[in-house]
Amino acid sequence: IEVAVGEREGCRRKPEPDSVLLALEELN
């Protein structure tokens, strides 16, 4: 698993979409 996104500043927690969209951006 090449990308791992947890709770962090500037990225709203699930169920907001921020972390999913960030992961997809990193995966391209």
PDB file of all heavy atoms in Angstrom:
ATOM      1  N   ILE A   1       0.864  -1.184   0.000  1.00  0.00           N
ATOM      2  CA  ILE A   1       0.000   0.000   0.000  1.00  0.00           C
ATOM      3  C   ILE A   1       0.896   1.227   0.000  1.00  0.00           C
ATOM      4  O   ILE A   1       1.600   1.496   0.974  1.00  0.00           O
ATOM      5  CB  ILE A   1      -0.950  -0.002   1.210  1.00  0.00           C
ATOM      6  CG1 ILE A   1      -1.858  -1.238   1.154  1.00  0.00           C
ATOM      7  CG2 ILE A   1      -1.781   1.274   1.244  1.00  0.00           C
ATOM      8  CD1 ILE A   1      -2.826  -1.357   2.321  1.00  0.00           C
ATOM      9  N   GLU A   2       0.851   1.982  -1.081  1.00  0.00           N
ATOM     10  CA  GLU A   2       1.850   3.030  -1.278  1.00  0.00           C
ATOM     11  C   GLU A   2       1.483   4.385  -0.688  1.00  0.00           C
ATOM     12  O   GLU A   2       2.354   5.241  -0.509  1.00  0.00           O
ATOM     13  CB  GLU A   2       2.146   3.200  -2.768  1.00  0.00           C
ATOM     14  CG  GLU A   2       0.929   3.476  -3.631  1.00  0.00           C
ATOM     15  CD  GLU A   2       1.226   3.293  -5.106  1.00  0.00           C
ATOM     16  OE1 GLU A   2       1.984   4.110  -5.653  1.00  0.00           O
ATOM     17  OE2 GLU A   2       0.717   2.333  -5.695  1.00  0.00           O
ATOM     18  N   VAL A   3       0.215   4.613  -0.394  1.00  0.00           N
ATOM     19  CA  VAL A   3      -0.220   5.892   0.170  1.00  0.00           C
ATOM     20  C   VAL A   3      -1.011   5.623   1.437  1.00  0.00           C
ATOM     21  O   VAL A   3      -1.891   4.760   1.461  1.00  0.00           O
ATOM     22  CB  VAL A   3      -1.085   6.682  -0.836  1.00  0.00           C
ATOM     23  CG1 VAL A   3      -1.665   7.932  -0.183  1.00  0.00           C
ATOM     24  CG2 VAL A   3      -0.277   7.056  -2.071  1.00  0.00           C
ATOM     25  N   ALA A   4      -0.708   6.349   2.510  1.00  0.00           N
ATOM     26  CA  ALA A   4      -1.430   6.200   3.769  1.00  0.00           C
ATOM     27  C   ALA A   4      -1.725   7.585   4.323  1.00  0.00           C
ATOM     28  O   ALA A   4      -0.806   8.359   4.600  1.00  0.00           O
ATOM     29  CB  ALA A   4      -0.618   5.390   4.777  1.00  0.00           C
ATOM     30  N   VAL A   5      -3.009   7.898   4.467  1.00  0.00           N
ATOM     31  CA  VAL A   5      -3.434   9.218   4.916  1.00  0.00           C
ATOM     32  C   VAL A   5      -4.236   9.079   6.205  1.00  0.00           C
ATOM     33  O   VAL A   5      -5.268   8.409   6.235  1.00  0.00           O
ATOM     34  CB  VAL A   5      -4.304   9.916   3.849  1.00  0.00           C
ATOM     35  CG1 VAL A   5      -4.734  11.294   4.337  1.00  0.00           C
ATOM     36  CG2 VAL A   5      -3.572  10.018   2.519  1.00  0.00           C
ATOM     37  N   GLY A   6      -3.749   9.700   7.270  1.00  0.00           N
ATOM     38  CA  GLY A   6      -4.473   9.720   8.526  1.00  0.00           C
ATOM     39  C   GLY A   6      -4.908  11.120   8.877  1.00  0.00           C
ATOM     40  O   GLY A   6      -4.778  12.049   8.075  1.00  0.00           O
ATOM     41  N   GLU A   7      -5.443  11.280  10.094  1.00  0.00           N
ATOM     42  CA  GLU A   7      -5.894  12.598  10.531  1.00  0.00           C
ATOM     43  C   GLU A   7      -4.704  13.538  10.629  1.00  0.00           C
ATOM     44  O   GLU A   7      -3.698  13.237  11.263  1.00  0.00           O
ATOM     45  CB  GLU A   7      -6.601  12.488  11.888  1.00  0.00           C
ATOM     46  CG  GLU A   7      -7.159  13.809  12.360  1.00  0.00           C
ATOM     47  CD  GLU A   7      -7.911  13.704  13.676  1.00  0.00           C
ATOM     48  OE1 GLU A   7      -7.845  12.630  14.316  1.00  0.00           O
ATOM     49  OE2 GLU A   7      -8.549  14.694  14.054  1.00  0.00           O
ATOM     50  N   ARG A   8      -4.826  14.685   9.992  1.00  0.00           N
ATOM     51  CA  ARG A   8      -3.737  15.662   9.977  1.00  0.00           C
ATOM     52  C   ARG A   8      -4.328  17.062   9.832  1.00  0.00           C
ATOM     53  O   ARG A   8      -5.460  17.235   9.397  1.00  0.00           O
ATOM     54  CB  ARG A   8      -2.777  15.377   8.820  1.00  0.00           C
ATOM     55  CG  ARG A   8      -3.453  15.442   7.452  1.00  0.00           C
ATOM     56  CD  ARG A   8      -2.492  15.284   6.293  1.00  0.00           C
ATOM     57  NE  ARG A   8      -2.064  13.896   6.101  1.00  0.00           N
ATOM     58  CZ  ARG A   8      -1.362  13.500   5.040  1.00  0.00           C
ATOM     59  NH1 ARG A   8      -1.024  14.362   4.096  1.00  0.00           N
ATOM     60  NH2 ARG A   8      -1.019  12.224   4.919  1.00  0.00           N
ATOM     61  N   GLU A   9      -3.542  18.061  10.166  1.00  0.00           N
ATOM     62  CA  GLU A   9      -4.004  19.441  10.039  1.00  0.00           C
ATOM     63  C   GLU A   9      -4.230  19.784   8.574  1.00  0.00           C
ATOM     64  O   GLU A   9      -3.481  19.351   7.698  1.00  0.00           O
ATOM     65  CB  GLU A   9      -2.973  20.408  10.641  1.00  0.00           C
ATOM     66  CG  GLU A   9      -3.017  20.483  12.158  1.00  0.00           C
ATOM     67  CD  GLU A   9      -2.190  21.642  12.690  1.00  0.00           C
ATOM     68  OE1 GLU A   9      -2.132  22.691  12.022  1.00  0.00           O
ATOM     69  OE2 GLU A   9      -1.600  21.476  13.760  1.00  0.00           O
ATOM     70  N   GLY A  10      -5.269  20.581   8.316  1.00  0.00           N
ATOM     71  CA  GLY A  10      -5.543  21.044   6.963  1.00  0.00           C
ATOM     72  C   GLY A  10      -6.277  20.046   6.105  1.00  0.00           C
ATOM     73  O   GLY A  10      -6.479  20.284   4.911  1.00  0.00           O
ATOM     74  N   CYS A  11      -6.688  18.913   6.693  1.00  0.00           N
ATOM     75  CA  CYS A  11      -7.404  17.883   5.933  1.00  0.00           C
ATOM     76  C   CYS A  11      -8.555  17.399   6.805  1.00  0.00           C
ATOM     77  O   CYS A  11      -8.337  16.764   7.842  1.00  0.00           O
ATOM     78  CB  CYS A  11      -6.467  16.728   5.584  1.00  0.00           C
ATOM     79  SG  CYS A  11      -7.172  15.488   4.483  1.00  0.00           S
ATOM     80  N   ARG A  12      -9.771  17.735   6.406  1.00  0.00           N
ATOM     81  CA  ARG A  12     -10.931  17.366   7.221  1.00  0.00           C
ATOM     82  C   ARG A  12     -11.082  15.847   7.310  1.00  0.00           C
ATOM     83  O   ARG A  12     -10.816  15.131   6.366  1.00  0.00           O
ATOM     84  CB  ARG A  12     -12.203  17.977   6.630  1.00  0.00           C
ATOM     85  CG  ARG A  12     -12.258  19.494   6.700  1.00  0.00           C
ATOM     86  CD  ARG A  12     -13.498  20.024   5.997  1.00  0.00           C
ATOM     87  NE  ARG A  12     -13.499  19.676   4.578  1.00  0.00           N
ATOM     88  CZ  ARG A  12     -14.511  19.903   3.753  1.00  0.00           C
ATOM     89  NH1 ARG A  12     -15.618  20.466   4.211  1.00  0.00           N
ATOM     90  NH2 ARG A  12     -14.432  19.555   2.477  1.00  0.00           N
ATOM     91  N   ARG A  13     -11.529  15.393   8.481  1.00  0.00           N
ATOM     92  CA  ARG A  13     -11.732  13.964   8.710  1.00  0.00           C
ATOM     93  C   ARG A  13     -12.880  13.438   7.874  1.00  0.00           C
ATOM     94  O   ARG A  13     -13.791  14.164   7.497  1.00  0.00           O
ATOM     95  CB  ARG A  13     -12.037  13.682  10.197  1.00  0.00           C
ATOM     96  CG  ARG A  13     -10.881  13.862  11.138  1.00  0.00           C
ATOM     97  CD  ARG A  13     -11.190  13.184  12.470  1.00  0.00           C
ATOM     98  NE  ARG A  13     -12.485  13.594  12.992  1.00  0.00           N
ATOM     99  CZ  ARG A  13     -12.670  14.619  13.805  1.00  0.00           C
ATOM    100  NH1 ARG A  13     -11.644  15.351  14.180  1.00  0.00           N
ATOM    101  NH2 ARG A  13     -13.878  14.908  14.251  1.00  0.00           N
ATOM    102  N   LYS A  14     -12.831  12.128   7.589  1.00  0.00           N
ATOM    103  CA  LYS A  14     -13.999  11.458   7.037  1.00  0.00           C
ATOM    104  C   LYS A  14     -15.191  11.687   7.976  1.00  0.00           C
ATOM    105  O   LYS A  14     -14.987  11.738   9.190  1.00  0.00           O
ATOM    106  CB  LYS A  14     -13.743   9.952   6.913  1.00  0.00           C
ATOM    107  CG  LYS A  14     -12.601   9.565   6.004  1.00  0.00           C
ATOM    108  CD  LYS A  14     -12.455   8.052   5.891  1.00  0.00           C
ATOM    109  CE  LYS A  14     -12.224   7.346   7.208  1.00  0.00           C
ATOM    110  NZ  LYS A  14     -12.030   5.884   7.079  1.00  0.00           N
ATOM    111  N   PRO A  15     -16.395  11.869   7.459  1.00  0.00           N
ATOM    112  CA  PRO A  15     -16.835  11.548   6.095  1.00  0.00           C
ATOM    113  C   PRO A  15     -16.648  12.641   5.055  1.00  0.00           C
ATOM    114  O   PRO A  15     -17.165  12.507   3.950  1.00  0.00           O
ATOM    115  CB  PRO A  15     -18.318  11.257   6.303  1.00  0.00           C
ATOM    116  CG  PRO A  15     -18.726  12.183   7.396  1.00  0.00           C
ATOM    117  CD  PRO A  15     -17.549  12.190   8.342  1.00  0.00           C
ATOM    118  N   GLU A  16     -15.945  13.730   5.421  1.00  0.00           N
ATOM    119  CA  GLU A  16     -15.619  14.716   4.385  1.00  0.00           C
ATOM    120  C   GLU A  16     -14.705  14.046   3.361  1.00  0.00           C
ATOM    121  O   GLU A  16     -13.946  13.129   3.687  1.00  0.00           O
ATOM    122  CB  GLU A  16     -14.949  15.937   5.001  1.00  0.00           C
ATOM    123  CG  GLU A  16     -15.809  16.674   6.014  1.00  0.00           C
ATOM    124  CD  GLU A  16     -17.094  17.205   5.413  1.00  0.00           C
ATOM    125  OE1 GLU A  16     -17.127  17.467   4.190  1.00  0.00           O
ATOM    126  OE2 GLU A  16     -18.083  17.353   6.166  1.00  0.00           O
ATOM    127  N   PRO A  17     -14.716  14.500   2.117  1.00  0.00           N
ATOM    128  CA  PRO A  17     -13.985  13.805   1.051  1.00  0.00           C
ATOM    129  C   PRO A  17     -12.501  14.123   0.965  1.00  0.00           C
ATOM    130  O   PRO A  17     -11.790  13.494   0.171  1.00  0.00           O
ATOM    131  CB  PRO A  17     -14.695  14.283  -0.214  1.00  0.00           C
ATOM    132  CG  PRO A  17     -15.171  15.660   0.132  1.00  0.00           C
ATOM    133  CD  PRO A  17     -15.567  15.591   1.582  1.00  0.00           C
ATOM    134  N   ASP A  18     -12.009  15.049   1.784  1.00  0.00           N
ATOM    135  CA  ASP A  18     -10.650  15.574   1.603  1.00  0.00           C
ATOM    136  C   ASP A  18      -9.577  14.492   1.512  1.00  0.00           C
ATOM    137  O   ASP A  18      -8.733  14.508   0.613  1.00  0.00           O
ATOM    138  CB  ASP A  18     -10.300  16.506   2.771  1.00  0.00           C
ATOM    139  CG  ASP A  18     -11.248  17.672   2.912  1.00  0.00           C
ATOM    140  OD1 ASP A  18     -12.450  17.498   2.627  1.00  0.00           O
ATOM    141  OD2 ASP A  18     -10.807  18.751   3.324  1.00  0.00           O
ATOM    142  N   SER A  19      -9.593  13.552   2.468  1.00  0.00           N
ATOM    143  CA  SER A  19      -8.512  12.562   2.521  1.00  0.00           C
ATOM    144  C   SER A  19      -8.587  11.573   1.359  1.00  0.00           C
ATOM    145  O   SER A  19      -7.557  11.127   0.852  1.00  0.00           O
ATOM    146  CB  SER A  19      -8.530  11.819   3.858  1.00  0.00           C
ATOM    147  OG  SER A  19      -9.827  11.333   4.154  1.00  0.00           O
ATOM    148  N   VAL A  20      -9.792  11.241   0.908  1.00  0.00           N
ATOM    149  CA  VAL A  20      -9.946  10.371  -0.255  1.00  0.00           C
ATOM    150  C   VAL A  20      -9.397  11.064  -1.501  1.00  0.00           C
ATOM    151  O   VAL A  20      -8.648  10.470  -2.299  1.00  0.00           O
ATOM    152  CB  VAL A  20     -11.423   9.980  -0.462  1.00  0.00           C
ATOM    153  CG1 VAL A  20     -11.615   9.299  -1.816  1.00  0.00           C
ATOM    154  CG2 VAL A  20     -11.881   9.058   0.656  1.00  0.00           C
ATOM    155  N   LEU A  21      -9.757  12.318  -1.668  1.00  0.00           N
ATOM    156  CA  LEU A  21      -9.296  13.063  -2.842  1.00  0.00           C
ATOM    157  C   LEU A  21      -7.780  13.256  -2.807  1.00  0.00           C
ATOM    158  O   LEU A  21      -7.111  13.194  -3.853  1.00  0.00           O
ATOM    159  CB  LEU A  21     -10.009  14.415  -2.919  1.00  0.00           C
ATOM    160  CG  LEU A  21     -11.535  14.339  -3.056  1.00  0.00           C
ATOM    161  CD1 LEU A  21     -12.144  15.734  -3.090  1.00  0.00           C
ATOM    162  CD2 LEU A  21     -11.944  13.548  -4.291  1.00  0.00           C
ATOM    163  N   LEU A  22      -7.232  13.472  -1.617  1.00  0.00           N
ATOM    164  CA  LEU A  22      -5.780  13.602  -1.481  1.00  0.00           C
ATOM    165  C   LEU A  22      -5.091  12.303  -1.870  1.00  0.00           C
ATOM    166  O   LEU A  22      -4.082  12.309  -2.594  1.00  0.00           O
ATOM    167  CB  LEU A  22      -5.426  13.974  -0.044  1.00  0.00           C
ATOM    168  CG  LEU A  22      -3.933  14.064   0.289  1.00  0.00           C
ATOM    169  CD1 LEU A  22      -3.259  15.130  -0.560  1.00  0.00           C
ATOM    170  CD2 LEU A  22      -3.742  14.373   1.775  1.00  0.00           C
ATOM    171  N   ALA A  23      -5.628  11.167  -1.410  1.00  0.00           N
ATOM    172  CA  ALA A  23      -5.033   9.870  -1.742  1.00  0.00           C
ATOM    173  C   ALA A  23      -5.062   9.621  -3.246  1.00  0.00           C
ATOM    174  O   ALA A  23      -4.076   9.166  -3.837  1.00  0.00           O
ATOM    175  CB  ALA A  23      -5.753   8.755  -1.000  1.00  0.00           C
ATOM    176  N   LEU A  24      -6.189   9.928  -3.883  1.00  0.00           N
ATOM    177  CA  LEU A  24      -6.294   9.717  -5.331  1.00  0.00           C
ATOM    178  C   LEU A  24      -5.355  10.631  -6.098  1.00  0.00           C
ATOM    179  O   LEU A  24      -4.800  10.241  -7.126  1.00  0.00           O
ATOM    180  CB  LEU A  24      -7.741   9.937  -5.783  1.00  0.00           C
ATOM    181  CG  LEU A  24      -8.735   8.848  -5.368  1.00  0.00           C
ATOM    182  CD1 LEU A  24     -10.150   9.251  -5.732  1.00  0.00           C
ATOM    183  CD2 LEU A  24      -8.376   7.518  -6.030  1.00  0.00           C
ATOM    184  N   GLU A  25      -5.170  11.839  -5.578  1.00  0.00           N
ATOM    185  CA  GLU A  25      -4.217  12.756  -6.220  1.00  0.00           C
ATOM    186  C   GLU A  25      -2.802  12.192  -6.148  1.00  0.00           C
ATOM    187  O   GLU A  25      -2.052  12.228  -7.128  1.00  0.00           O
ATOM    188  CB  GLU A  25      -4.279  14.117  -5.533  1.00  0.00           C
ATOM    189  CG  GLU A  25      -3.363  15.168  -6.152  1.00  0.00           C
ATOM    190  CD  GLU A  25      -3.463  16.512  -5.455  1.00  0.00           C
ATOM    191  OE1 GLU A  25      -4.387  16.711  -4.641  1.00  0.00           O
ATOM    192  OE2 GLU A  25      -2.597  17.364  -5.726  1.00  0.00           O
ATOM    193  N   GLU A  26      -2.451  11.629  -4.986  1.00  0.00           N
ATOM    194  CA  GLU A  26      -1.110  11.051  -4.842  1.00  0.00           C
ATOM    195  C   GLU A  26      -0.948   9.810  -5.722  1.00  0.00           C
ATOM    196  O   GLU A  26       0.138   9.532  -6.236  1.00  0.00           O
ATOM    197  CB  GLU A  26      -0.840  10.701  -3.379  1.00  0.00           C
ATOM    198  CG  GLU A  26      -0.699  11.924  -2.475  1.00  0.00           C
ATOM    199  CD  GLU A  26      -0.183  11.570  -1.094  1.00  0.00           C
ATOM    200  OE1 GLU A  26       0.661  10.662  -0.983  1.00  0.00           O
ATOM    201  OE2 GLU A  26      -0.625  12.210  -0.115  1.00  0.00           O
ATOM    202  N   LEU A  27      -2.032   9.056  -5.902  1.00  0.00           N
ATOM    203  CA  LEU A  27      -1.984   7.870  -6.757  1.00  0.00           C
ATOM    204  C   LEU A  27      -2.097   8.219  -8.234  1.00  0.00           C
ATOM    205  O   LEU A  27      -1.797   7.387  -9.091  1.00  0.00           O
ATOM    206  CB  LEU A  27      -3.126   6.909  -6.387  1.00  0.00           C
ATOM    207  CG  LEU A  27      -3.063   6.238  -5.016  1.00  0.00           C
ATOM    208  CD1 LEU A  27      -4.349   5.456  -4.764  1.00  0.00           C
ATOM    209  CD2 LEU A  27      -1.846   5.332  -4.893  1.00  0.00           C
ATOM    210  N   ASN A  28      -2.581   9.442  -8.515  1.00  0.00           N
ATOM    211  CA  ASN A  28      -2.819   9.883  -9.892  1.00  0.00           C
ATOM    212  C   ASN A  28      -3.849   8.994 -10.593  1.00  0.00           C
ATOM    213  O   ASN A  28      -3.658   8.550 -11.724  1.00  0.00           O
ATOM    214  CB  ASN A  28      -1.514   9.932 -10.692  1.00  0.00           C
ATOM    215  CG  ASN A  28      -1.657  10.705 -11.997  1.00  0.00           C
ATOM    216  OD1 ASN A  28      -2.480  11.624 -12.101  1.00  0.00           O
ATOM    217  ND2 ASN A  28      -0.881  10.333 -12.999  1.00  0.00           N
TER     218      ASN A  28
END
